[in-house]
Amino acid sequence: MASPWRMQSGGLILGNLLQALVVFAPFMNDIFHTAPFSLSKWIIRWRERAAHGGSTRA
């Protein structure tokens, strides 16, 4: 039987991989109505967050 730490780590890795699949796989985008951010949108979001001291609220 696998140790609890291995099972937890495997669950976290699997969860992250599934999340990435939903966001980045085109056929999953259609099913879940999602779209990945472009690099320019990530930069804009990072600058907005930095301007507010790391807060997500304006």
C-alpha atoms as a PDB file:
ATOM      1  CA  MET A   1       0.000   0.000   0.000  1.00  0.00           C
ATOM      2  CA  ALA A   2       1.287   3.453  -0.905  1.00  0.00           C
ATOM      3  CA  SER A   3       2.165   5.904   1.845  1.00  0.00           C
ATOM      4  CA  PRO A   4      -0.276   8.779   2.500  1.00  0.00           C
ATOM      5  CA  TRP A   5       2.324  11.307   1.329  1.00  0.00           C
ATOM      6  CA  ARG A   6       2.676   9.580  -2.037  1.00  0.00           C
ATOM      7  CA  MET A   7      -1.071   9.401  -2.485  1.00  0.00           C
ATOM      8  CA  GLN A   8      -1.477  13.080  -1.591  1.00  0.00           C
ATOM      9  CA  SER A   9       1.314  14.122  -3.935  1.00  0.00           C
ATOM     10  CA  GLY A  10      -0.142  12.033  -6.738  1.00  0.00           C
ATOM     11  CA  GLY A  11      -3.566  13.577  -6.171  1.00  0.00           C
ATOM     12  CA  LEU A  12      -2.153  17.102  -6.290  1.00  0.00           C
ATOM     13  CA  ILE A  13      -0.201  16.383  -9.462  1.00  0.00           C
ATOM     14  CA  LEU A  14      -3.223  14.773 -11.113  1.00  0.00           C
ATOM     15  CA  GLY A  15      -5.442  17.700 -10.112  1.00  0.00           C
ATOM     16  CA  ASN A  16      -3.003  20.233 -11.559  1.00  0.00           C
ATOM     17  CA  LEU A  17      -2.664  18.267 -14.789  1.00  0.00           C
ATOM     18  CA  LEU A  18      -6.439  18.067 -15.184  1.00  0.00           C
ATOM     19  CA  GLN A  19      -6.755  21.814 -14.549  1.00  0.00           C
ATOM     20  CA  ALA A  20      -4.130  22.526 -17.214  1.00  0.00           C
ATOM     21  CA  LEU A  21      -5.945  20.190 -19.608  1.00  0.00           C
ATOM     22  CA  VAL A  22      -9.238  22.053 -19.127  1.00  0.00           C
ATOM     23  CA  VAL A  23      -7.568  25.425 -19.735  1.00  0.00           C
ATOM     24  CA  PHE A  24      -5.136  24.602 -22.544  1.00  0.00           C
ATOM     25  CA  ALA A  25      -6.614  21.710 -24.570  1.00  0.00           C
ATOM     26  CA  PRO A  26      -8.775  23.118 -27.394  1.00  0.00           C
ATOM     27  CA  PHE A  27     -11.417  20.364 -27.224  1.00  0.00           C
ATOM     28  CA  MET A  28     -11.770  20.942 -23.458  1.00  0.00           C
ATOM     29  CA  ASN A  29     -12.064  24.717 -24.041  1.00  0.00           C
ATOM     30  CA  ASP A  30     -15.194  24.057 -26.058  1.00  0.00           C
ATOM     31  CA  ILE A  31     -16.701  21.782 -23.407  1.00  0.00           C
ATOM     32  CA  PHE A  32     -15.944  24.015 -20.388  1.00  0.00           C
ATOM     33  CA  HIS A  33     -16.062  27.408 -22.181  1.00  0.00           C
ATOM     34  CA  THR A  34     -12.540  28.320 -21.075  1.00  0.00           C
ATOM     35  CA  ALA A  35      -9.608  30.028 -22.775  1.00  0.00           C
ATOM     36  CA  PRO A  36      -5.980  30.413 -21.725  1.00  0.00           C
ATOM     37  CA  PHE A  37      -4.609  33.898 -21.012  1.00  0.00           C
ATOM     38  CA  SER A  38      -2.115  35.223 -23.517  1.00  0.00           C
ATOM     39  CA  LEU A  39       1.290  36.374 -22.285  1.00  0.00           C
ATOM     40  CA  SER A  40       0.260  40.027 -22.652  1.00  0.00           C
ATOM     41  CA  LYS A  41      -2.795  39.475 -20.421  1.00  0.00           C
ATOM     42  CA  TRP A  42      -0.612  37.812 -17.776  1.00  0.00           C
ATOM     43  CA  ILE A  43       1.735  40.836 -17.839  1.00  0.00           C
ATOM     44  CA  ILE A  44      -1.186  43.269 -17.554  1.00  0.00           C
ATOM     45  CA  ARG A  45      -2.634  41.305 -14.650  1.00  0.00           C
ATOM     46  CA  TRP A  46       0.745  41.167 -12.900  1.00  0.00           C
ATOM     47  CA  ARG A  47       1.198  44.943 -13.257  1.00  0.00           C
ATOM     48  CA  GLU A  48      -2.301  45.645 -11.932  1.00  0.00           C
ATOM     49  CA  ARG A  49      -1.650  43.412  -8.949  1.00  0.00           C
ATOM     50  CA  ALA A  50       1.739  45.000  -8.274  1.00  0.00           C
ATOM     51  CA  ALA A  51       0.180  48.485  -8.430  1.00  0.00           C
ATOM     52  CA  HIS A  52      -2.252  47.505  -5.665  1.00  0.00           C
ATOM     53  CA  GLY A  53       0.385  46.043  -3.378  1.00  0.00           C
ATOM     54  CA  GLY A  54      -0.376  42.435  -4.306  1.00  0.00           C
ATOM     55  CA  SER A  55      -4.058  42.740  -3.484  1.00  0.00           C
ATOM     56  CA  THR A  56      -6.605  41.287  -5.877  1.00  0.00           C
ATOM     57  CA  ARG A  57      -9.107  44.008  -4.952  1.00  0.00           C
ATOM     58  CA  ALA A  58      -8.965  47.480  -6.467  1.00  0.00           C
END
